[in-house]
Protein backbone atom coordinates (compact mmCIF):
# COMPACT_ATOMS: atom_id res chain seq x y z
CA MET A 1 -79.11 208.77 327.33
CA ALA A 2 -77.82 212.26 327.95
CA TYR A 3 -74.09 212.86 327.87
CA ASN A 4 -71.87 215.30 329.71
CA GLN A 5 -71.87 218.35 327.44
CA THR A 6 -69.08 220.04 329.38
CA LEU A 7 -66.82 217.03 328.89
CA ALA A 8 -67.74 216.95 325.19
CA GLU A 9 -66.81 220.63 324.85
CA ARG A 10 -63.46 220.00 326.56
CA VAL A 11 -62.75 217.10 324.18
CA HIS A 12 -63.79 219.23 321.21
CA THR A 13 -61.34 221.95 322.30
CA ILE A 14 -58.49 219.43 322.42
CA LEU A 15 -59.39 218.07 318.98
CA LYS A 16 -60.26 221.31 317.18
CA ASP A 17 -57.12 221.24 315.01
CA GLU A 18 -57.00 217.47 314.41
CA GLY A 19 -59.44 217.26 311.50
CA VAL A 20 -61.91 215.09 313.40
CA VAL A 21 -65.60 214.71 312.65
CA GLU A 22 -68.02 214.89 315.56
CA LYS A 23 -70.92 212.45 315.33
CA LYS A 24 -73.72 211.58 317.73
CA MET A 25 -73.64 207.83 318.40
CA PHE A 26 -74.19 205.39 321.28
CA GLY A 27 -76.38 207.95 323.05
CA GLY A 28 -73.44 210.32 323.22
CA VAL A 29 -70.98 212.02 320.93
CA ASP A 30 -68.02 210.42 319.19
CA TYR A 31 -65.01 211.82 317.38
CA LEU A 32 -63.84 210.21 314.15
CA LEU A 33 -60.53 210.66 312.36
CA ASN A 34 -60.45 209.56 308.70
CA GLY A 35 -63.70 207.68 309.35
CA ASN A 36 -62.32 205.76 312.34
CA MET A 37 -63.65 206.36 315.83
CA ALA A 38 -61.01 207.66 318.23
CA CYS A 39 -62.89 208.68 321.36
CA GLY A 40 -66.21 209.97 322.58
CA VAL A 41 -68.37 210.90 325.52
CA HIS A 42 -70.96 208.46 326.85
CA GLY A 43 -72.91 209.59 329.89
CA GLU A 44 -70.36 211.05 332.29
CA ASN A 45 -67.45 208.98 330.95
CA LEU A 46 -64.89 209.40 328.21
CA ILE A 47 -64.74 206.51 325.72
CA VAL A 48 -61.31 205.83 324.24
CA ARG A 49 -60.42 203.47 321.42
CA VAL A 50 -57.12 201.91 322.45
CA GLY A 51 -56.94 198.84 320.21
CA GLU A 52 -56.70 195.19 321.13
CA GLU A 53 -52.92 195.36 321.63
CA ARG A 54 -53.15 197.85 324.53
CA TYR A 55 -56.59 196.91 325.85
CA GLU A 56 -55.52 194.69 328.77
CA GLU A 57 -52.68 197.03 329.72
CA ILE A 58 -54.97 200.06 329.86
CA LEU A 59 -57.58 198.18 331.87
CA THR A 60 -55.03 197.95 334.70
CA HIS A 61 -55.45 201.72 335.15
CA PRO A 62 -57.75 202.21 338.17
CA LEU A 63 -60.00 204.70 336.35
CA ALA A 64 -60.45 202.65 333.17
CA LYS A 65 -63.14 200.05 332.68
CA PRO A 66 -64.37 198.02 329.70
CA PHE A 67 -66.77 199.85 327.39
CA ASP A 68 -69.96 197.83 327.37
CA LEU A 69 -73.24 198.87 325.75
CA THR A 70 -74.80 195.47 325.15
CA GLY A 71 -73.66 193.17 327.95
CA LYS A 72 -70.56 192.20 326.01
CA PRO A 73 -67.54 194.52 326.42
CA MET A 74 -66.11 195.98 323.22
CA THR A 75 -62.51 194.75 323.12
CA GLY A 76 -60.18 197.61 322.28
CA TRP A 77 -62.43 200.23 323.85
CA VAL A 78 -62.35 201.57 327.39
CA GLU A 79 -64.35 204.04 329.43
CA ILE A 80 -62.53 206.48 331.67
CA LEU A 81 -64.35 207.45 334.84
CA PRO A 82 -64.86 211.19 335.51
CA THR A 83 -62.04 211.45 338.04
CA GLY A 84 -59.69 210.34 335.27
CA THR A 85 -60.65 213.30 333.09
CA SER A 86 -61.14 216.06 335.65
CA ARG A 87 -57.70 217.56 334.98
CA ASP A 88 -57.14 218.92 331.46
CA VAL A 89 -53.73 217.24 331.20
CA ASP A 90 -55.24 213.81 331.96
CA LEU A 91 -58.13 214.31 329.56
CA ALA A 92 -55.72 215.38 326.81
CA GLY A 93 -53.58 212.28 327.40
CA TRP A 94 -56.55 209.94 327.01
CA VAL A 95 -57.84 211.80 323.94
CA ARG A 96 -54.37 211.64 322.34
CA THR A 97 -54.29 207.88 322.99
CA GLY A 98 -57.51 207.50 320.99
CA ILE A 99 -56.28 209.78 318.20
CA ALA A 100 -52.99 207.88 317.94
CA TYR A 101 -54.86 204.61 317.56
CA ALA A 102 -57.27 206.02 314.97
CA ARG A 103 -54.30 207.40 313.00
CA SER A 104 -52.79 203.92 312.88
CA LEU A 105 -55.82 202.57 310.97
CA PRO A 106 -56.47 202.78 307.24
CA SER A 107 -58.75 205.63 306.24
CA LYS A 108 -62.41 204.73 305.69
CA LYS A 109 -62.90 207.65 303.31
């Protein structure tokens, strides 16, 4: 599956000073911090790792939906529809949510 390269470039710009590693996964591109996935781009949508604690809360946002690659949603992960990332300020907020969660995890390195 192709992914939105423009969205990926915008995410990369936000994360350029965060020490993240960019890795192609899930048919898209993902961003890892200390070996933990934080966010990514899948198709036209932004994927954000929010954790189990905030998962249900974030799903109440009208532009968030469960991230599902296999027919079983990945708890703790959401997809943000393109309208939710069209403004730079909104995209940055979602990306920072994923980074904050990844920072809370032990390093995998």
